Amino acid sequence: MVEDSKPVYLRLRDIIAASILDGTYGDGDMLPSVRALAAQEGANPLTVAKAYQCFQDDGLVVVKRGVGMFVAEGASRRLREAERRRFLDTVWPPVADQIRRLGISAEDLDLQRV
């Protein structure tokens, strides 16, 4: 989920992360160039470069000089683990509280629809 209150580079990071988690880009796949992603998302190339730098700092993206940026081996697994941890630690608790307050049952949720 992309939050409007986040800085643009973090929203771009969320978009890239979602693309990796959804399988659009797998381990070893080349990512769009800074300019291509900037044009696609209507963002400043420097902002896109900052988003990519976050991934590079976390070891999720590797740069091959003169070739491009690639999803690092094992990045999708590590990213999934980190996002799962973040979800369970920060997103889920208020949702679970709301479910309890409203008396929503597991049958009401019908997780098959998700």
N, C-alpha and C. Protein backbone atom coordinates (compact mmCIF):
# COMPACT_ATOMS: atom_id res chain seq x y z
N MET A 1 0.84 -1.17 0.00
CA MET A 1 0.00 0.00 0.00
C MET A 1 0.89 1.24 0.00
N VAL A 2 0.64 2.16 -0.88
CA VAL A 2 1.43 3.36 -1.00
C VAL A 2 0.73 4.49 -0.27
N GLU A 3 1.42 5.11 0.69
CA GLU A 3 0.83 6.17 1.49
C GLU A 3 1.21 7.53 0.92
N ASP A 4 0.22 8.42 0.77
CA ASP A 4 0.47 9.75 0.22
C ASP A 4 1.31 10.63 1.14
N SER A 5 1.31 10.34 2.46
CA SER A 5 2.06 11.16 3.40
C SER A 5 3.56 10.86 3.37
N LYS A 6 3.95 9.79 2.73
CA LYS A 6 5.36 9.42 2.65
C LYS A 6 6.08 10.30 1.64
N PRO A 7 7.39 10.53 1.86
CA PRO A 7 8.18 11.21 0.84
C PRO A 7 8.13 10.42 -0.47
N VAL A 8 8.29 11.11 -1.58
CA VAL A 8 8.17 10.50 -2.90
C VAL A 8 9.15 9.34 -3.06
N TYR A 9 10.39 9.48 -2.61
CA TYR A 9 11.36 8.41 -2.82
C TYR A 9 10.94 7.14 -2.07
N LEU A 10 10.27 7.29 -0.92
CA LEU A 10 9.79 6.11 -0.19
C LEU A 10 8.57 5.50 -0.87
N ARG A 11 7.74 6.34 -1.48
CA ARG A 11 6.61 5.80 -2.26
C ARG A 11 7.14 5.03 -3.47
N LEU A 12 8.17 5.55 -4.11
CA LEU A 12 8.78 4.85 -5.24
C LEU A 12 9.41 3.54 -4.77
N ARG A 13 10.03 3.57 -3.61
CA ARG A 13 10.60 2.35 -3.05
C ARG A 13 9.50 1.31 -2.84
N ASP A 14 8.34 1.74 -2.34
CA ASP A 14 7.22 0.82 -2.15
C ASP A 14 6.74 0.23 -3.48
N ILE A 15 6.73 1.03 -4.52
CA ILE A 15 6.31 0.57 -5.85
C ILE A 15 7.29 -0.48 -6.37
N ILE A 16 8.58 -0.21 -6.22
CA ILE A 16 9.60 -1.15 -6.67
C ILE A 16 9.51 -2.44 -5.84
N ALA A 17 9.37 -2.29 -4.52
CA ALA A 17 9.27 -3.46 -3.64
C ALA A 17 8.07 -4.32 -4.02
N ALA A 18 6.94 -3.68 -4.28
CA ALA A 18 5.74 -4.42 -4.67
C ALA A 18 5.98 -5.17 -5.98
N SER A 19 6.70 -4.56 -6.90
CA SER A 19 7.00 -5.21 -8.19
C SER A 19 7.87 -6.44 -7.98
N ILE A 20 8.78 -6.37 -7.02
CA ILE A 20 9.63 -7.53 -6.72
C ILE A 20 8.81 -8.60 -6.03
N LEU A 21 8.01 -8.19 -5.04
CA LEU A 21 7.20 -9.16 -4.30
C LEU A 21 6.14 -9.81 -5.18
N ASP A 22 5.60 -9.07 -6.14
CA ASP A 22 4.59 -9.61 -7.05
C ASP A 22 5.18 -10.49 -8.15
N GLY A 23 6.51 -10.47 -8.26
CA GLY A 23 7.16 -11.30 -9.28
C GLY A 23 7.37 -10.61 -10.61
N THR A 24 7.05 -9.33 -10.69
CA THR A 24 7.31 -8.59 -11.92
C THR A 24 8.82 -8.59 -12.21
N TYR A 25 9.60 -8.43 -11.14
CA TYR A 25 11.06 -8.51 -11.23
C TYR A 25 11.52 -9.57 -10.25
N GLY A 26 12.19 -10.59 -10.77
CA GLY A 26 12.71 -11.66 -9.92
C GLY A 26 14.18 -11.45 -9.65
N ASP A 27 14.73 -12.30 -8.79
CA ASP A 27 16.15 -12.24 -8.50
C ASP A 27 16.94 -12.34 -9.80
N GLY A 28 17.87 -11.42 -9.99
CA GLY A 28 18.70 -11.41 -11.18
C GLY A 28 18.14 -10.60 -12.33
N ASP A 29 16.87 -10.19 -12.23
CA ASP A 29 16.26 -9.41 -13.31
C ASP A 29 16.74 -7.97 -13.32
N MET A 30 16.80 -7.41 -14.50
CA MET A 30 17.18 -6.01 -14.66
C MET A 30 15.98 -5.13 -14.33
N LEU A 31 16.24 -4.08 -13.57
CA LEU A 31 15.21 -3.11 -13.23
C LEU A 31 15.18 -2.00 -14.28
N PRO A 32 14.07 -1.27 -14.37
CA PRO A 32 14.03 -0.14 -15.31
C PRO A 32 15.12 0.88 -14.96
N SER A 33 15.61 1.55 -15.95
CA SER A 33 16.62 2.59 -15.70
C SER A 33 15.98 3.69 -14.87
N VAL A 34 16.84 4.50 -14.27
CA VAL A 34 16.36 5.64 -13.48
C VAL A 34 15.46 6.52 -14.34
N ARG A 35 15.90 6.82 -15.54
CA ARG A 35 15.10 7.70 -16.41
C ARG A 35 13.78 7.05 -16.82
N ALA A 36 13.81 5.76 -17.11
CA ALA A 36 12.58 5.07 -17.52
C ALA A 36 11.57 5.04 -16.38
N LEU A 37 12.03 4.71 -15.17
CA LEU A 37 11.11 4.68 -14.03
C LEU A 37 10.61 6.07 -13.69
N ALA A 38 11.48 7.08 -13.82
CA ALA A 38 11.07 8.46 -13.57
C ALA A 38 9.96 8.86 -14.54
N ALA A 39 10.12 8.53 -15.80
CA ALA A 39 9.10 8.87 -16.80
C ALA A 39 7.81 8.10 -16.52
N GLN A 40 7.92 6.83 -16.20
CA GLN A 40 6.76 5.99 -15.93
C GLN A 40 5.97 6.49 -14.73
N GLU A 41 6.66 6.93 -13.68
CA GLU A 41 6.00 7.35 -12.44
C GLU A 41 5.81 8.86 -12.33
N GLY A 42 6.28 9.60 -13.32
CA GLY A 42 6.16 11.06 -13.28
C GLY A 42 6.97 11.68 -12.15
N ALA A 43 8.15 11.13 -11.93
CA ALA A 43 9.00 11.58 -10.82
C ALA A 43 10.29 12.16 -11.35
N ASN A 44 10.98 12.87 -10.50
CA ASN A 44 12.28 13.42 -10.82
C ASN A 44 13.30 12.28 -10.83
N PRO A 45 14.17 12.22 -11.83
CA PRO A 45 15.18 11.15 -11.87
C PRO A 45 16.05 11.08 -10.61
N LEU A 46 16.34 12.23 -10.00
CA LEU A 46 17.14 12.20 -8.76
C LEU A 46 16.38 11.51 -7.63
N THR A 47 15.07 11.67 -7.62
CA THR A 47 14.25 11.02 -6.60
C THR A 47 14.22 9.51 -6.83
N VAL A 48 14.13 9.10 -8.08
CA VAL A 48 14.17 7.67 -8.41
C VAL A 48 15.53 7.10 -8.01
N ALA A 49 16.60 7.84 -8.31
CA ALA A 49 17.94 7.38 -7.95
C ALA A 49 18.06 7.20 -6.44
N LYS A 50 17.43 8.07 -5.67
CA LYS A 50 17.45 7.95 -4.21
C LYS A 50 16.71 6.69 -3.76
N ALA A 51 15.59 6.38 -4.41
CA ALA A 51 14.84 5.16 -4.08
C ALA A 51 15.68 3.93 -4.39
N TYR A 52 16.32 3.91 -5.55
CA TYR A 52 17.19 2.79 -5.92
C TYR A 52 18.36 2.68 -4.94
N GLN A 53 18.88 3.81 -4.50
CA GLN A 53 20.01 3.80 -3.57
C GLN A 53 19.63 3.11 -2.26
N CYS A 54 18.39 3.30 -1.81
CA CYS A 54 17.91 2.61 -0.60
C CYS A 54 18.02 1.10 -0.78
N PHE A 55 17.62 0.61 -1.94
CA PHE A 55 17.70 -0.83 -2.22
C PHE A 55 19.15 -1.28 -2.31
N GLN A 56 19.97 -0.45 -2.91
CA GLN A 56 21.39 -0.79 -3.04
C GLN A 56 22.03 -0.85 -1.64
N ASP A 57 21.70 0.12 -0.79
CA ASP A 57 22.24 0.14 0.58
C ASP A 57 21.81 -1.10 1.36
N ASP A 58 20.61 -1.60 1.09
CA ASP A 58 20.09 -2.78 1.77
C ASP A 58 20.55 -4.09 1.12
N GLY A 59 21.33 -3.99 0.03
CA GLY A 59 21.82 -5.18 -0.64
C GLY A 59 20.76 -5.89 -1.46
N LEU A 60 19.68 -5.20 -1.80
CA LEU A 60 18.60 -5.80 -2.57
C LEU A 60 18.75 -5.57 -4.07
N VAL A 61 19.60 -4.61 -4.43
CA VAL A 61 19.85 -4.26 -5.83
C VAL A 61 21.35 -4.18 -6.03
N VAL A 62 21.81 -4.70 -7.14
CA VAL A 62 23.22 -4.58 -7.50
C VAL A 62 23.34 -3.79 -8.79
N VAL A 63 24.38 -2.99 -8.86
CA VAL A 63 24.62 -2.17 -10.04
C VAL A 63 25.75 -2.77 -10.84
N LYS A 64 25.51 -2.93 -12.12
CA LYS A 64 26.56 -3.36 -13.04
C LYS A 64 26.86 -2.14 -13.91
N ARG A 65 28.00 -1.53 -13.64
CA ARG A 65 28.39 -0.30 -14.34
C ARG A 65 28.24 -0.44 -15.85
N GLY A 66 27.57 0.53 -16.43
CA GLY A 66 27.39 0.55 -17.87
C GLY A 66 26.32 -0.39 -18.38
N VAL A 67 25.73 -1.18 -17.47
CA VAL A 67 24.70 -2.13 -17.89
C VAL A 67 23.35 -1.75 -17.28
N GLY A 68 23.32 -1.63 -15.95
CA GLY A 68 22.08 -1.27 -15.28
C GLY A 68 22.01 -1.81 -13.87
N MET A 69 20.80 -1.75 -13.32
CA MET A 69 20.55 -2.23 -11.96
C MET A 69 19.77 -3.53 -12.03
N PHE A 70 20.14 -4.46 -11.14
CA PHE A 70 19.54 -5.78 -11.13
C PHE A 70 19.09 -6.14 -9.72
N VAL A 71 18.02 -6.92 -9.64
CA VAL A 71 17.57 -7.43 -8.35
C VAL A 71 18.62 -8.43 -7.88
N ALA A 72 19.11 -8.25 -6.67
CA ALA A 72 20.15 -9.13 -6.13
C ALA A 72 19.58 -10.52 -5.87
N GLU A 73 20.46 -11.52 -5.93
CA GLU A 73 20.05 -12.89 -5.61
C GLU A 73 19.59 -12.93 -4.16
N GLY A 74 18.44 -13.54 -3.92
CA GLY A 74 17.88 -13.65 -2.57
C GLY A 74 17.12 -12.42 -2.13
N ALA A 75 17.08 -11.40 -2.97
CA ALA A 75 16.41 -10.15 -2.59
C ALA A 75 14.92 -10.34 -2.36
N SER A 76 14.26 -11.10 -3.21
CA SER A 76 12.81 -11.27 -3.05
C SER A 76 12.49 -11.96 -1.73
N ARG A 77 13.26 -12.95 -1.35
CA ARG A 77 13.05 -13.64 -0.06
C ARG A 77 13.29 -12.69 1.10
N ARG A 78 14.41 -11.96 1.07
CA ARG A 78 14.73 -11.03 2.16
C ARG A 78 13.71 -9.91 2.24
N LEU A 79 13.28 -9.41 1.09
CA LEU A 79 12.29 -8.33 1.07
C LEU A 79 10.96 -8.83 1.62
N ARG A 80 10.56 -10.04 1.23
CA ARG A 80 9.30 -10.63 1.73
C ARG A 80 9.36 -10.79 3.24
N GLU A 81 10.49 -11.27 3.76
CA GLU A 81 10.64 -11.44 5.21
C GLU A 81 10.55 -10.09 5.93
N ALA A 82 11.21 -9.07 5.39
CA ALA A 82 11.19 -7.75 6.01
C ALA A 82 9.79 -7.14 5.96
N GLU A 83 9.11 -7.27 4.82
CA GLU A 83 7.76 -6.71 4.69
C GLU A 83 6.78 -7.47 5.58
N ARG A 84 6.96 -8.77 5.70
CA ARG A 84 6.10 -9.58 6.57
C ARG A 84 6.28 -9.13 8.02
N ARG A 85 7.53 -8.96 8.44
CA ARG A 85 7.83 -8.50 9.79
C ARG A 85 7.21 -7.13 10.05
N ARG A 86 7.36 -6.20 9.09
CA ARG A 86 6.80 -4.85 9.23
C ARG A 86 5.28 -4.92 9.34
N PHE A 87 4.66 -5.75 8.50
CA PHE A 87 3.21 -5.89 8.53
C PHE A 87 2.74 -6.40 9.89
N LEU A 88 3.37 -7.47 10.37
CA LEU A 88 2.95 -8.06 11.64
C LEU A 88 3.23 -7.15 12.84
N ASP A 89 4.28 -6.34 12.76
CA ASP A 89 4.64 -5.46 13.87
C ASP A 89 3.89 -4.13 13.87
N THR A 90 3.61 -3.60 12.68
CA THR A 90 3.04 -2.24 12.65
C THR A 90 1.66 -2.13 12.01
N VAL A 91 1.39 -2.91 10.99
CA VAL A 91 0.11 -2.79 10.27
C VAL A 91 -0.98 -3.63 10.94
N TRP A 92 -0.66 -4.88 11.25
CA TRP A 92 -1.66 -5.80 11.75
C TRP A 92 -2.25 -5.42 13.12
N PRO A 93 -1.46 -4.99 14.11
CA PRO A 93 -2.04 -4.74 15.43
C PRO A 93 -3.24 -3.79 15.43
N PRO A 94 -3.21 -2.64 14.76
CA PRO A 94 -4.41 -1.80 14.76
C PRO A 94 -5.57 -2.42 13.98
N VAL A 95 -5.27 -3.21 12.95
CA VAL A 95 -6.33 -3.89 12.20
C VAL A 95 -6.99 -4.94 13.10
N ALA A 96 -6.17 -5.71 13.81
CA ALA A 96 -6.71 -6.72 14.72
C ALA A 96 -7.56 -6.07 15.81
N ASP A 97 -7.11 -4.93 16.33
CA ASP A 97 -7.90 -4.21 17.34
C ASP A 97 -9.26 -3.80 16.77
N GLN A 98 -9.27 -3.29 15.55
CA GLN A 98 -10.51 -2.87 14.90
C GLN A 98 -11.44 -4.07 14.66
N ILE A 99 -10.88 -5.19 14.27
CA ILE A 99 -11.67 -6.41 14.06
C ILE A 99 -12.35 -6.82 15.36
N ARG A 100 -11.58 -6.79 16.45
CA ARG A 100 -12.16 -7.14 17.75
C ARG A 100 -13.26 -6.16 18.16
N ARG A 101 -12.99 -4.86 17.98
CA ARG A 101 -13.98 -3.83 18.35
C ARG A 101 -15.28 -4.00 17.60
N LEU A 102 -15.18 -4.40 16.33
CA LEU A 102 -16.37 -4.51 15.48
C LEU A 102 -17.00 -5.90 15.53
N GLY A 103 -16.37 -6.82 16.23
CA GLY A 103 -16.92 -8.16 16.34
C GLY A 103 -16.92 -8.92 15.03
N ILE A 104 -15.90 -8.69 14.22
CA ILE A 104 -15.80 -9.37 12.93
C ILE A 104 -15.22 -10.76 13.15
N SER A 105 -15.86 -11.77 12.56
CA SER A 105 -15.40 -13.15 12.70
C SER A 105 -14.53 -13.54 11.50
N ALA A 106 -13.88 -14.70 11.63
CA ALA A 106 -13.08 -15.22 10.52
C ALA A 106 -13.96 -15.47 9.30
N GLU A 107 -15.21 -15.93 9.55
CA GLU A 107 -16.15 -16.17 8.44
C GLU A 107 -16.50 -14.85 7.73
N ASP A 108 -16.62 -13.77 8.52
CA ASP A 108 -16.90 -12.46 7.92
C ASP A 108 -15.77 -12.02 6.99
N LEU A 109 -14.58 -12.35 7.36
CA LEU A 109 -13.43 -11.92 6.57
C LEU A 109 -13.33 -12.67 5.25
N ASP A 110 -13.76 -13.92 5.22
CA ASP A 110 -13.73 -14.72 4.00
C ASP A 110 -12.42 -14.48 3.23
N LEU A 111 -11.34 -14.96 3.81
CA LEU A 111 -10.01 -14.74 3.24
C LEU A 111 -9.84 -15.32 1.86
N GLN A 112 -10.78 -16.12 1.40
CA GLN A 112 -10.70 -16.66 0.04
C GLN A 112 -10.91 -15.56 -0.99
N ARG A 113 -11.55 -14.46 -0.61
CA ARG A 113 -11.79 -13.36 -1.55
C ARG A 113 -10.55 -12.53 -1.78
N VAL A 114 -9.58 -12.62 -0.89
CA VAL A 114 -8.39 -11.76 -0.96
C VAL A 114 -7.51 -12.19 -2.10
